[in-house]
Amino acid sequence: MQNVLFDLPPPALDPVPPSEEHVRLAAELPDGIALGCMTWSFPGWIGVVYAKGTPEKLLGARGLTAYSKNPLHRIVELDRSYYDPIPAAAYREYADQVPDGFRLFAKAHEECTVLQFPQHPRYGKKRGAHNPRFLDAAYASDAVVGPFAEGLGAKMGGLLFQFPPQDVGDPRAFAGQLHDFLRRLPKGVPYAVEVRNAELLTKAYFAALEDTGAVHCHNQWTSMPSVLTQVKLAPPGARRPLVIRWLLREGDKYEEARARYAPFNRIVAEDRDNRDAIARIVVKAHQHGVPSFVFLDNKAEGCAPETLLRLARAIRSLL
């Protein structure tokens, strides 16, 4: 009997049953438009995404079993992989929790994209030191890309190289480094690149993406140009598919927004301007046959799943 018990699969979590509106909107949104959240393990989502009484301690490991049951949730972002590389087996565990057709995106390990380690306690003895793995294609291929592709298989959405705000020197030199890095990565994996320094949005940067088949990740973030401005800067080849991450409104600060919006269980401050702009961009991309992947952060308005619902409404109204 003990052997049988030990062989039982981990528990699936119960979702909040999707409303009639969720079901209807999901049926009306084209397959090429995918909306999702940036990670999923927030206790504040109990009663919003997860059924009341869901144990908080299970959200990280098993939350996707409930999150993915909402038909409007077609994608999700995995950010655990940003802080440390994770093995193929861990990716496979996440993939096994979601249905066919669902796609998982992941952030590449930050050591691929940070030139100098920040002065933060979590970096320990590496604080302030130069990072020798910055844009190291061999490291990225072995420790990041390989496990990602092997573990997710057909449920692989895209791998995001997120460059935080930092001084990487001359923008043209950075574009050249990025170009060399991307062309050395394994083929057959969808790559996206997000920069958070506006000066890096150069013609050379976009040319590097186009030449290697990577795409620009348009990010609505405190000190970046608007998503609409980024779309206008990016040539078509660097935005097919269209990838958008809606994080913060212009001028907002991460810690201030987190404190203002926690515990992320409701909309606190609507941002209709960004919502409407993103909806228009997504619909225009759809009209040109370009698929879209849009990720929502709690700090956009206070509760990512509720922002997702409102964005879905806005998109549907324009179709």
Protein backbone atom coordinates (compact mmCIF):
# COMPACT_ATOMS: atom_id res chain seq x y z
CA MET A 1 0.00 0.00 0.00
CA GLN A 2 2.82 2.40 0.81
CA ASN A 3 4.34 1.95 -2.65
CA VAL A 4 0.99 2.81 -4.25
CA LEU A 5 0.73 5.96 -2.16
CA PHE A 6 4.20 7.07 -3.08
CA ASP A 7 3.39 6.61 -6.77
CA LEU A 8 0.39 8.92 -6.67
CA PRO A 9 0.79 12.06 -8.84
CA PRO A 10 1.11 15.45 -7.10
CA PRO A 11 -2.24 17.08 -6.43
CA ALA A 12 -3.90 19.35 -8.96
CA LEU A 13 -5.32 22.57 -7.56
CA ASP A 14 -8.89 23.70 -8.04
CA PRO A 15 -9.48 26.92 -9.95
CA VAL A 16 -12.13 29.52 -9.48
CA PRO A 17 -14.60 28.34 -12.15
CA PRO A 18 -14.32 30.58 -15.24
CA SER A 19 -17.24 32.95 -15.60
CA GLU A 20 -19.51 32.90 -18.62
CA GLU A 21 -17.72 36.03 -19.81
CA HIS A 22 -14.33 34.34 -19.61
CA VAL A 23 -15.62 31.43 -21.68
CA ARG A 24 -17.31 33.68 -24.23
CA LEU A 25 -14.31 35.98 -24.67
CA ALA A 26 -11.97 33.02 -25.03
CA ALA A 27 -14.17 31.65 -27.81
CA GLU A 28 -14.27 35.01 -29.57
CA LEU A 29 -10.54 35.82 -29.40
CA PRO A 30 -8.61 34.45 -32.40
CA ASP A 31 -6.12 31.67 -31.73
CA GLY A 32 -3.28 34.00 -32.75
CA ILE A 33 -3.88 36.29 -29.78
CA ALA A 34 -2.52 34.85 -26.53
CA LEU A 35 -2.78 36.61 -23.18
CA GLY A 36 -1.16 35.56 -19.92
CA CYS A 37 0.41 36.63 -16.65
CA MET A 38 3.99 37.09 -15.49
CA THR A 39 4.29 34.10 -13.15
CA TRP A 40 1.37 32.76 -11.10
CA SER A 41 2.16 31.98 -7.43
CA PHE A 42 0.52 34.92 -5.67
CA PRO A 43 -1.53 34.19 -2.51
CA GLY A 44 -3.65 37.23 -3.36
CA TRP A 45 -5.01 35.31 -6.34
CA ILE A 46 -6.77 32.83 -4.07
CA GLY A 47 -10.41 33.60 -4.75
CA VAL A 48 -9.48 35.21 -8.10
CA VAL A 49 -7.68 32.38 -9.93
CA TYR A 50 -7.44 29.69 -7.26
CA ALA A 51 -10.35 28.28 -5.31
CA LYS A 52 -10.79 29.54 -1.77
CA GLY A 53 -8.93 27.35 0.68
CA THR A 54 -6.08 26.59 -1.71
CA PRO A 55 -2.87 26.05 0.33
CA GLU A 56 -0.46 28.90 -0.40
CA LYS A 57 2.52 26.57 -0.17
CA LEU A 58 1.35 24.66 -3.28
CA LEU A 59 0.92 27.65 -5.58
CA GLY A 60 4.47 27.74 -6.93
CA ALA A 61 4.79 24.03 -7.60
CA ARG A 62 1.24 23.17 -8.68
CA GLY A 63 -0.49 26.47 -9.44
CA LEU A 64 -0.44 25.97 -13.19
CA THR A 65 -2.88 23.09 -12.84
CA ALA A 66 -5.52 25.65 -11.87
CA TYR A 67 -4.25 28.76 -13.71
CA SER A 68 -4.32 26.99 -17.08
CA LYS A 69 -7.95 25.91 -16.66
CA ASN A 70 -9.14 29.45 -17.33
CA PRO A 71 -9.69 29.55 -21.12
CA LEU A 72 -8.45 33.14 -21.35
CA HIS A 73 -5.08 32.09 -19.91
CA ARG A 74 -3.28 30.81 -22.99
CA ILE A 75 0.30 31.53 -21.94
CA VAL A 76 2.34 32.13 -18.82
CA GLU A 77 5.79 33.44 -18.02
CA LEU A 78 8.23 31.53 -15.84
CA ASP A 79 10.55 33.89 -13.96
CA ARG A 80 12.16 31.41 -11.57
CA SER A 81 14.63 30.63 -14.37
CA TYR A 82 15.92 34.22 -14.28
CA TYR A 83 17.52 33.79 -10.88
CA ASP A 84 19.05 30.35 -11.44
CA PRO A 85 19.11 27.96 -14.41
CA ILE A 86 16.64 25.14 -13.98
CA PRO A 87 16.97 21.60 -15.39
CA ALA A 88 14.90 20.05 -18.15
CA ALA A 89 13.05 17.92 -15.57
CA ALA A 90 11.74 21.05 -13.83
CA TYR A 91 10.49 22.50 -17.11
CA ARG A 92 8.86 19.16 -17.87
CA GLU A 93 6.98 19.23 -14.57
CA TYR A 94 5.50 22.61 -15.50
CA ALA A 95 4.64 21.44 -19.02
CA ASP A 96 2.84 18.40 -17.62
CA GLN A 97 0.50 20.68 -15.66
CA VAL A 98 -0.96 22.49 -18.67
CA PRO A 99 -3.09 21.32 -21.61
CA ASP A 100 -2.01 20.93 -25.21
CA GLY A 101 -2.04 24.29 -26.97
CA PHE A 102 -0.92 26.16 -23.85
CA ARG A 103 2.52 27.78 -24.15
CA LEU A 104 5.15 28.54 -21.52
CA PHE A 105 7.69 31.33 -21.87
CA ALA A 106 10.75 31.57 -19.66
CA LYS A 107 13.31 34.18 -18.73
CA ALA A 108 16.90 33.26 -19.41
CA HIS A 109 19.26 33.19 -16.44
CA GLU A 110 20.29 36.73 -15.57
CA GLU A 111 23.99 35.90 -15.88
CA CYS A 112 23.43 35.94 -19.64
CA THR A 113 22.26 39.56 -19.55
CA VAL A 114 23.88 41.38 -16.59
CA LEU A 115 27.25 42.93 -17.32
CA GLN A 116 28.02 43.77 -13.68
CA PHE A 117 26.33 42.22 -10.67
CA PRO A 118 24.19 44.76 -8.78
CA GLN A 119 25.00 45.89 -5.26
CA HIS A 120 22.34 43.69 -3.73
CA PRO A 121 22.71 41.26 -0.81
CA ARG A 122 21.45 38.28 -2.82
CA TYR A 123 24.57 38.39 -4.99
CA GLY A 124 26.82 37.77 -2.00
CA LYS A 125 30.52 37.98 -2.83
CA LYS A 126 29.71 38.75 -6.48
CA ARG A 127 28.16 42.14 -5.63
CA GLY A 128 29.56 44.83 -7.89
CA ALA A 129 31.81 42.38 -9.75
CA HIS A 130 32.10 41.97 -13.50
CA ASN A 131 30.05 39.04 -14.82
CA PRO A 132 32.17 36.81 -17.09
CA ARG A 133 29.05 35.06 -18.47
CA PHE A 134 27.53 38.21 -19.95
CA LEU A 135 26.47 37.34 -23.52
CA ASP A 136 28.38 34.06 -23.32
CA ALA A 137 26.68 31.95 -25.99
CA ALA A 138 28.31 28.70 -24.87
CA TYR A 139 27.01 29.10 -21.32
CA ALA A 140 23.56 30.15 -22.53
CA SER A 141 23.33 27.22 -24.94
CA ASP A 142 24.28 24.58 -22.38
CA ALA A 143 22.75 25.89 -19.15
CA VAL A 144 19.70 27.77 -20.45
CA VAL A 145 18.56 26.96 -23.97
CA GLY A 146 19.14 23.20 -23.89
CA PRO A 147 17.11 22.44 -20.75
CA PHE A 148 14.39 24.88 -21.81
CA ALA A 149 13.85 23.26 -25.21
CA GLU A 150 14.20 19.69 -23.95
CA GLY A 151 11.88 20.16 -20.99
CA LEU A 152 9.04 22.06 -22.66
CA GLY A 153 9.00 20.43 -26.07
CA ALA A 154 5.80 21.26 -27.96
CA LYS A 155 4.65 23.57 -25.14
CA MET A 156 7.66 25.85 -25.61
CA GLY A 157 6.55 29.43 -26.22
CA GLY A 158 9.68 31.54 -26.19
CA LEU A 159 12.87 32.26 -24.29
CA LEU A 160 13.30 35.85 -23.12
CA PHE A 161 16.68 37.50 -22.64
CA GLN A 162 15.83 40.40 -20.34
CA PHE A 163 18.50 43.09 -20.02
CA PRO A 164 17.84 45.15 -16.87
CA PRO A 165 18.70 48.86 -16.73
CA GLN A 166 22.49 49.07 -16.81
CA ASP A 167 25.45 50.72 -18.49
CA VAL A 168 26.60 48.40 -21.26
CA GLY A 169 28.71 51.03 -23.01
CA ASP A 170 28.31 52.15 -26.60
CA PRO A 171 24.90 51.09 -28.01
CA ARG A 172 26.38 50.07 -31.36
CA ALA A 173 29.00 47.92 -29.66
CA PHE A 174 26.25 46.30 -27.57
CA ALA A 175 24.25 45.58 -30.72
CA GLY A 176 27.30 43.90 -32.22
CA GLN A 177 27.82 41.76 -29.13
CA LEU A 178 24.15 40.84 -29.07
CA HIS A 179 24.23 39.91 -32.74
CA ASP A 180 27.18 37.59 -32.23
CA PHE A 181 25.54 36.07 -29.15
CA LEU A 182 22.21 35.36 -30.84
CA ARG A 183 23.69 33.85 -33.98
CA ARG A 184 25.66 31.36 -31.86
CA LEU A 185 22.60 30.07 -29.98
CA PRO A 186 20.90 26.79 -30.97
CA LYS A 187 18.41 27.08 -33.82
CA GLY A 188 14.76 26.15 -33.59
CA VAL A 189 14.05 28.01 -30.35
CA PRO A 190 11.97 31.25 -30.37
CA TYR A 191 14.08 34.02 -28.82
CA ALA A 192 12.92 37.42 -27.58
CA VAL A 193 15.05 40.27 -26.28
CA GLU A 194 13.95 42.96 -23.83
CA VAL A 195 16.09 46.00 -23.09
CA ARG A 196 15.28 48.62 -20.49
CA ASN A 197 17.65 51.32 -21.67
CA ALA A 198 15.97 53.45 -24.33
CA GLU A 199 19.30 54.35 -25.94
CA LEU A 200 19.79 50.71 -26.93
CA LEU A 201 16.82 50.83 -29.34
CA THR A 202 19.09 51.52 -32.31
CA LYS A 203 18.91 50.44 -35.94
CA ALA A 204 21.86 48.15 -35.24
CA TYR A 205 19.97 46.52 -32.36
CA PHE A 206 16.92 45.78 -34.49
CA ALA A 207 19.12 44.60 -37.38
CA ALA A 208 20.75 42.09 -35.03
CA LEU A 209 17.33 40.72 -34.13
CA GLU A 210 16.13 40.52 -37.72
CA ASP A 211 19.28 38.80 -38.93
CA THR A 212 19.10 36.10 -36.25
CA GLY A 213 15.35 35.55 -36.20
CA ALA A 214 14.88 36.93 -32.70
CA VAL A 215 12.16 39.45 -31.84
CA HIS A 216 12.02 42.57 -29.72
CA CYS A 217 9.97 42.32 -26.54
CA HIS A 218 7.97 45.54 -26.31
CA ASN A 219 7.83 46.51 -22.65
CA GLN A 220 5.60 49.04 -20.96
CA TRP A 221 7.97 50.01 -18.18
CA THR A 222 8.71 53.07 -16.10
CA SER A 223 11.53 54.68 -18.11
CA MET A 224 11.09 53.12 -21.56
CA PRO A 225 9.30 54.68 -24.52
CA SER A 226 5.71 53.57 -24.84
CA VAL A 227 4.88 50.25 -26.45
CA LEU A 228 3.43 52.17 -29.41
CA THR A 229 6.70 54.07 -29.87
CA GLN A 230 8.67 50.82 -29.71
CA VAL A 231 6.39 49.26 -32.35
CA LYS A 232 7.09 52.20 -34.65
CA LEU A 233 10.85 51.85 -34.13
CA ALA A 234 10.97 48.10 -34.71
CA PRO A 235 11.04 46.86 -38.32
CA PRO A 236 8.49 44.15 -39.19
CA GLY A 237 11.02 41.34 -38.95
CA ALA A 238 11.78 42.19 -35.34
CA ARG A 239 8.14 42.05 -34.23
CA ARG A 240 6.82 38.87 -35.80
CA PRO A 241 5.45 37.51 -33.57
CA LEU A 242 4.51 40.52 -31.49
CA VAL A 243 5.62 40.13 -27.87
CA ILE A 244 4.47 42.65 -25.25
CA ARG A 245 5.10 42.80 -21.52
CA TRP A 246 2.94 45.33 -19.63
CA LEU A 247 4.73 45.98 -16.34
CA LEU A 248 4.44 49.55 -15.06
CA ARG A 249 3.03 52.83 -16.20
CA GLU A 250 5.51 55.50 -17.26
CA GLY A 251 7.34 57.09 -14.32
CA ASP A 252 6.14 54.54 -11.78
CA LYS A 253 8.67 52.86 -9.49
CA TYR A 254 8.72 49.11 -8.94
CA GLU A 255 8.82 49.11 -5.14
CA GLU A 256 6.24 51.88 -4.86
CA ALA A 257 3.86 50.08 -7.21
CA ARG A 258 4.30 46.80 -5.37
CA ALA A 259 3.50 48.42 -2.03
CA ARG A 260 0.53 50.25 -3.49
CA TYR A 261 -1.03 47.25 -5.21
CA ALA A 262 -0.30 44.35 -2.83
CA PRO A 263 -1.78 41.77 -2.25
CA PHE A 264 -2.69 41.92 -5.97
CA ASN A 265 -6.24 40.67 -5.59
CA ARG A 266 -8.06 43.55 -7.32
CA ILE A 267 -7.66 46.44 -9.74
CA VAL A 268 -6.44 49.42 -7.72
CA ALA A 269 -5.78 52.01 -10.44
CA GLU A 270 -6.95 51.47 -14.00
CA ASP A 271 -4.55 52.40 -16.81
CA ARG A 272 -6.94 52.75 -19.71
CA ASP A 273 -4.48 54.60 -21.94
CA ASN A 274 -1.99 51.73 -22.00
CA ARG A 275 -4.73 49.13 -22.16
CA ASP A 276 -6.37 50.74 -25.17
CA ALA A 277 -3.02 51.30 -26.91
CA ILE A 278 -1.98 47.67 -26.45
CA ALA A 279 -5.37 46.45 -27.63
CA ARG A 280 -5.10 48.52 -30.81
CA ILE A 281 -1.58 47.23 -31.49
CA VAL A 282 -2.63 43.61 -30.99
CA VAL A 283 -5.65 43.95 -33.26
CA LYS A 284 -3.59 45.62 -35.98
CA ALA A 285 -1.03 42.82 -35.78
CA HIS A 286 -3.83 40.27 -36.08
CA GLN A 287 -5.18 42.04 -39.16
CA HIS A 288 -1.74 41.60 -40.73
CA GLY A 289 -1.56 37.92 -39.83
CA VAL A 290 0.95 38.44 -37.01
CA PRO A 291 0.39 36.44 -33.79
CA SER A 292 0.63 38.26 -30.46
CA PHE A 293 1.77 37.21 -27.00
CA VAL A 294 0.90 39.69 -24.24
CA PHE A 295 2.00 39.29 -20.62
CA LEU A 296 0.48 41.25 -17.74
CA ASP A 297 2.09 42.21 -14.45
CA ASN A 298 0.30 42.81 -11.15
CA LYS A 299 1.96 46.21 -10.99
CA ALA A 300 0.28 47.43 -14.15
CA GLU A 301 -3.06 48.01 -12.41
CA GLY A 302 -3.06 45.90 -9.26
CA CYS A 303 -4.13 42.39 -10.34
CA ALA A 304 -2.78 40.78 -13.51
CA PRO A 305 -5.69 38.32 -14.07
CA GLU A 306 -8.19 41.19 -13.82
CA THR A 307 -6.07 43.32 -16.17
CA LEU A 308 -6.02 40.37 -18.57
CA LEU A 309 -9.81 40.22 -18.54
CA ARG A 310 -10.13 43.94 -19.23
CA LEU A 311 -7.57 43.75 -22.02
CA ALA A 312 -9.45 40.84 -23.59
CA ARG A 313 -12.62 42.96 -23.55
CA ALA A 314 -10.79 45.86 -25.20
CA ILE A 315 -9.32 43.62 -27.91
CA ARG A 316 -12.66 41.95 -28.60
CA SER A 317 -14.35 45.34 -29.00
CA LEU A 318 -11.93 46.23 -31.82
CA LEU A 319 -12.11 43.00 -33.80
